[in-house]
Structures are given as C-alpha cells and as structure tokens.
C-alpha cells in the first residue's frame, strides 16, 4: 500500500512538473513579461 501511494504521488508530481514546463515554454517571452508585470502596474498613480 505504501508503494502505491508513493508511486501515485511521484506520478502526480511528474505531471505537474511537465504541465508547468509546457505552460512556460509555449508562451512568448514578451507575453510572459507583460503577465508578470500586472501585479506591479495594477494601480494608476496621479503624478
């Protein structure tokens, strides 16, 4: 039973790692930079 849980957990972790790599590799660098800056530029400041 312990082996079943261990290998199941390893399978889920491998799936999540592949999913993260796939999502990060399919986007263009400029698009990812724009998405990453959203939290930094979410407020409009009057100068």
PDB file of N, CA and C in Angstrom:
ATOM      1  N   UNK A   1       0.824  -1.197   0.000  1.00  0.00           N
ATOM      2  CA  UNK A   1       0.000   0.000   0.000  1.00  0.00           C
ATOM      3  C   UNK A   1       0.868   1.261   0.000  1.00  0.00           C
ATOM      4  N   UNK A   2       1.949   1.217   0.757  1.00  0.00           N
ATOM      5  CA  UNK A   2       2.838   2.378   0.817  1.00  0.00           C
ATOM      6  C   UNK A   2       3.461   2.651  -0.549  1.00  0.00           C
ATOM      7  N   UNK A   3       3.843   1.593  -1.252  1.00  0.00           N
ATOM      8  CA  UNK A   3       4.413   1.769  -2.590  1.00  0.00           C
ATOM      9  C   UNK A   3       3.386   2.371  -3.543  1.00  0.00           C
ATOM     10  N   UNK A   4       2.147   1.966  -3.433  1.00  0.00           N
ATOM     11  CA  UNK A   4       1.088   2.504  -4.289  1.00  0.00           C
ATOM     12  C   UNK A   4       0.932   4.007  -4.078  1.00  0.00           C
ATOM     13  N   UNK A   5       0.922   4.432  -2.825  1.00  0.00           N
ATOM     14  CA  UNK A   5       0.798   5.859  -2.507  1.00  0.00           C
ATOM     15  C   UNK A   5       2.032   6.617  -2.983  1.00  0.00           C
ATOM     16  N   UNK A   6       3.218   6.044  -2.761  1.00  0.00           N
ATOM     17  CA  UNK A   6       4.454   6.698  -3.166  1.00  0.00           C
ATOM     18  C   UNK A   6       4.512   6.891  -4.676  1.00  0.00           C
ATOM     19  N   UNK A   7       4.263   5.832  -5.442  1.00  0.00           N
ATOM     20  CA  UNK A   7       4.336   5.939  -6.899  1.00  0.00           C
ATOM     21  C   UNK A   7       3.211   6.804  -7.460  1.00  0.00           C
ATOM     22  N   UNK A   8       2.065   6.790  -6.835  1.00  0.00           N
ATOM     23  CA  UNK A   8       0.990   7.682  -7.244  1.00  0.00           C
ATOM     24  C   UNK A   8       1.372   9.135  -7.034  1.00  0.00           C
ATOM     25  N   UNK A   9       1.998   9.422  -5.917  1.00  0.00           N
ATOM     26  CA  UNK A   9       2.451  10.772  -5.626  1.00  0.00           C
ATOM     27  C   UNK A   9       3.532  11.208  -6.617  1.00  0.00           C
ATOM     28  N   UNK A  10       4.460  10.309  -6.933  1.00  0.00           N
ATOM     29  CA  UNK A  10       5.506  10.617  -7.917  1.00  0.00           C
ATOM     30  C   UNK A  10       4.899  10.883  -9.294  1.00  0.00           C
ATOM     31  N   UNK A  11       3.881  10.140  -9.653  1.00  0.00           N
ATOM     32  CA  UNK A  11       3.212  10.332 -10.936  1.00  0.00           C
ATOM     33  C   UNK A  11       2.534  11.702 -10.998  1.00  0.00           C
ATOM     34  N   UNK A  12       1.859  12.089  -9.928  1.00  0.00           N
ATOM     35  CA  UNK A  12       1.201  13.394  -9.883  1.00  0.00           C
ATOM     36  C   UNK A  12       2.228  14.520  -9.917  1.00  0.00           C
ATOM     37  N   UNK A  13       3.322  14.372  -9.185  1.00  0.00           N
ATOM     38  CA  UNK A  13       4.360  15.409  -9.193  1.00  0.00           C
ATOM     39  C   UNK A  13       5.004  15.535 -10.572  1.00  0.00           C
ATOM     40  N   UNK A  14       5.230  14.424 -11.248  1.00  0.00           N
ATOM     41  CA  UNK A  14       5.797  14.466 -12.597  1.00  0.00           C
ATOM     42  C   UNK A  14       4.828  15.154 -13.552  1.00  0.00           C
ATOM     43  N   UNK A  15       3.543  14.859 -13.424  1.00  0.00           N
ATOM     44  CA  UNK A  15       2.547  15.506 -14.276  1.00  0.00           C
ATOM     45  C   UNK A  15       2.541  17.016 -14.060  1.00  0.00           C
ATOM     46  N   UNK A  16       2.584  17.458 -12.818  1.00  0.00           N
ATOM     47  CA  UNK A  16       2.560  18.889 -12.529  1.00  0.00           C
ATOM     48  C   UNK A  16       3.830  19.578 -13.037  1.00  0.00           C
ATOM     49  N   UNK A  17       4.980  18.913 -12.930  1.00  0.00           N
ATOM     50  CA  UNK A  17       6.222  19.493 -13.429  1.00  0.00           C
ATOM     51  C   UNK A  17       6.178  19.631 -14.949  1.00  0.00           C
ATOM     52  N   UNK A  18       5.689  18.598 -15.643  1.00  0.00           N
ATOM     53  CA  UNK A  18       5.575  18.655 -17.096  1.00  0.00           C
ATOM     54  C   UNK A  18       4.582  19.737 -17.502  1.00  0.00           C
ATOM     55  N   UNK A  19       3.485  19.860 -16.782  1.00  0.00           N
ATOM     56  CA  UNK A  19       2.497  20.886 -17.081  1.00  0.00           C
ATOM     57  C   UNK A  19       3.088  22.290 -16.925  1.00  0.00           C
ATOM     58  N   UNK A  20       3.842  22.521 -15.864  1.00  0.00           N
ATOM     59  CA  UNK A  20       4.462  23.831 -15.651  1.00  0.00           C
ATOM     60  C   UNK A  20       5.468  24.148 -16.741  1.00  0.00           C
ATOM     61  N   UNK A  21       6.286  23.183 -17.123  1.00  0.00           N
ATOM     62  CA  UNK A  21       7.265  23.402 -18.188  1.00  0.00           C
ATOM     63  C   UNK A  21       6.553  23.674 -19.504  1.00  0.00           C
ATOM     64  N   UNK A  22       5.488  22.952 -19.786  1.00  0.00           N
ATOM     65  CA  UNK A  22       4.749  23.135 -21.029  1.00  0.00           C
ATOM     66  C   UNK A  22       4.117  24.531 -21.093  1.00  0.00           C
ATOM     67  N   UNK A  23       3.520  24.975 -20.005  1.00  0.00           N
ATOM     68  CA  UNK A  23       2.883  26.294 -19.984  1.00  0.00           C
ATOM     69  C   UNK A  23       3.931  27.395 -20.136  1.00  0.00           C
ATOM     70  N   UNK A  24       5.057  27.265 -19.450  1.00  0.00           N
ATOM     71  CA  UNK A  24       6.084  28.300 -19.529  1.00  0.00           C
ATOM     72  C   UNK A  24       6.807  28.304 -20.866  1.00  0.00           C
ATOM     73  N   UNK A  25       6.882  27.172 -21.532  1.00  0.00           N
ATOM     74  CA  UNK A  25       7.633  27.118 -22.788  1.00  0.00           C
ATOM     75  C   UNK A  25       6.788  27.505 -23.996  1.00  0.00           C
ATOM     76  N   UNK A  26       5.469  27.459 -23.890  1.00  0.00           N
ATOM     77  CA  UNK A  26       4.649  27.750 -25.062  1.00  0.00           C
ATOM     78  C   UNK A  26       4.403  29.237 -25.249  1.00  0.00           C
ATOM     79  N   UNK A  27       4.607  30.029 -24.218  1.00  0.00           N
ATOM     80  CA  UNK A  27       4.376  31.464 -24.322  1.00  0.00           C
ATOM     81  C   UNK A  27       5.609  32.189 -24.829  1.00  0.00           C
ATOM     82  N   UNK A  28       5.376  33.326 -25.437  1.00  0.00           N
ATOM     83  CA  UNK A  28       6.488  34.144 -25.884  1.00  0.00           C
ATOM     84  C   UNK A  28       7.061  34.907 -24.703  1.00  0.00           C
ATOM     85  N   UNK A  29       8.314  35.234 -24.793  1.00  0.00           N
ATOM     86  CA  UNK A  29       8.987  35.921 -23.698  1.00  0.00           C
ATOM     87  C   UNK A  29       8.329  37.262 -23.387  1.00  0.00           C
ATOM     88  N   UNK A  30       7.957  38.005 -24.432  1.00  0.00           N
ATOM     89  CA  UNK A  30       7.341  39.315 -24.206  1.00  0.00           C
ATOM     90  C   UNK A  30       5.995  39.165 -23.509  1.00  0.00           C
ATOM     91  N   UNK A  31       5.217  38.187 -23.913  1.00  0.00           N
ATOM     92  CA  UNK A  31       3.908  37.965 -23.295  1.00  0.00           C
ATOM     93  C   UNK A  31       4.062  37.597 -21.822  1.00  0.00           C
ATOM     94  N   UNK A  32       5.015  36.725 -21.514  1.00  0.00           N
ATOM     95  CA  UNK A  32       5.233  36.337 -20.122  1.00  0.00           C
ATOM     96  C   UNK A  32       5.708  37.520 -19.286  1.00  0.00           C
ATOM     97  N   UNK A  33       6.534  38.389 -19.867  1.00  0.00           N
ATOM     98  CA  UNK A  33       6.976  39.579 -19.142  1.00  0.00           C
ATOM     99  C   UNK A  33       5.806  40.512 -18.843  1.00  0.00           C
ATOM    100  N   UNK A  34       4.905  40.676 -19.816  1.00  0.00           N
ATOM    101  CA  UNK A  34       3.732  41.528 -19.594  1.00  0.00           C
ATOM    102  C   UNK A  34       2.834  40.949 -18.506  1.00  0.00           C
ATOM    103  N   UNK A  35       2.645  39.644 -18.508  1.00  0.00           N
ATOM    104  CA  UNK A  35       1.815  38.997 -17.487  1.00  0.00           C
ATOM    105  C   UNK A  35       2.458  39.147 -16.113  1.00  0.00           C
ATOM    106  N   UNK A  36       3.771  39.008 -16.042  1.00  0.00           N
ATOM    107  CA  UNK A  36       4.467  39.094 -14.760  1.00  0.00           C
ATOM    108  C   UNK A  36       4.414  40.504 -14.182  1.00  0.00           C
ATOM    109  N   UNK A  37       4.277  41.528 -15.034  1.00  0.00           N
ATOM    110  CA  UNK A  37       4.253  42.911 -14.555  1.00  0.00           C
ATOM    111  C   UNK A  37       2.867  43.373 -14.121  1.00  0.00           C
ATOM    112  N   UNK A  38       1.834  42.595 -14.338  1.00  0.00           N
ATOM    113  CA  UNK A  38       0.473  43.010 -13.980  1.00  0.00           C
ATOM    114  C   UNK A  38       0.360  43.395 -12.502  1.00  0.00           C
ATOM    115  N   UNK A  39       0.861  42.579 -11.561  1.00  0.00           N
ATOM    116  CA  UNK A  39       0.729  42.993 -10.149  1.00  0.00           C
ATOM    117  C   UNK A  39       1.486  44.273  -9.817  1.00  0.00           C
ATOM    118  N   UNK A  40       2.542  44.566 -10.569  1.00  0.00           N
ATOM    119  CA  UNK A  40       3.333  45.761 -10.287  1.00  0.00           C
ATOM    120  C   UNK A  40       2.684  47.023 -10.840  1.00  0.00           C
ATOM    121  N   UNK A  41       1.851  46.884 -11.849  1.00  0.00           N
ATOM    122  CA  UNK A  41       1.268  48.040 -12.512  1.00  0.00           C
ATOM    123  C   UNK A  41      -0.260  48.049 -12.426  1.00  0.00           C
ATOM    124  N   UNK A  42      -0.797  47.520 -11.345  1.00  0.00           N
ATOM    125  CA  UNK A  42      -2.251  47.417 -11.242  1.00  0.00           C
ATOM    126  C   UNK A  42      -2.914  48.691 -10.702  1.00  0.00           C
ATOM    127  N   UNK A  43      -2.144  49.612 -10.219  1.00  0.00           N
ATOM    128  CA  UNK A  43      -2.708  50.849  -9.697  1.00  0.00           C
ATOM    129  C   UNK A  43      -2.275  52.018 -10.563  1.00  0.00           C
ATOM    130  N   UNK A  44      -3.183  52.931 -10.771  1.00  0.00           N
ATOM    131  CA  UNK A  44      -2.851  54.144 -11.505  1.00  0.00           C
ATOM    132  C   UNK A  44      -2.533  55.243 -10.502  1.00  0.00           C
ATOM    133  N   UNK A  45      -1.369  55.814 -10.634  1.00  0.00           N
ATOM    134  CA  UNK A  45      -0.949  56.896  -9.734  1.00  0.00           C
ATOM    135  C   UNK A  45      -1.005  58.216 -10.481  1.00  0.00           C
ATOM    136  N   UNK A  46      -1.630  59.169  -9.870  1.00  0.00           N
ATOM    137  CA  UNK A  46      -1.665  60.508 -10.463  1.00  0.00           C
ATOM    138  C   UNK A  46      -0.418  61.259 -10.018  1.00  0.00           C
ATOM    139  N   UNK A  47       0.341  61.689 -11.022  1.00  0.00           N
ATOM    140  CA  UNK A  47       1.643  62.217 -10.813  1.00  0.00           C
ATOM    141  C   UNK A  47       1.851  63.501 -10.191  1.00  0.00           C
TER     142      UNK A  47
END
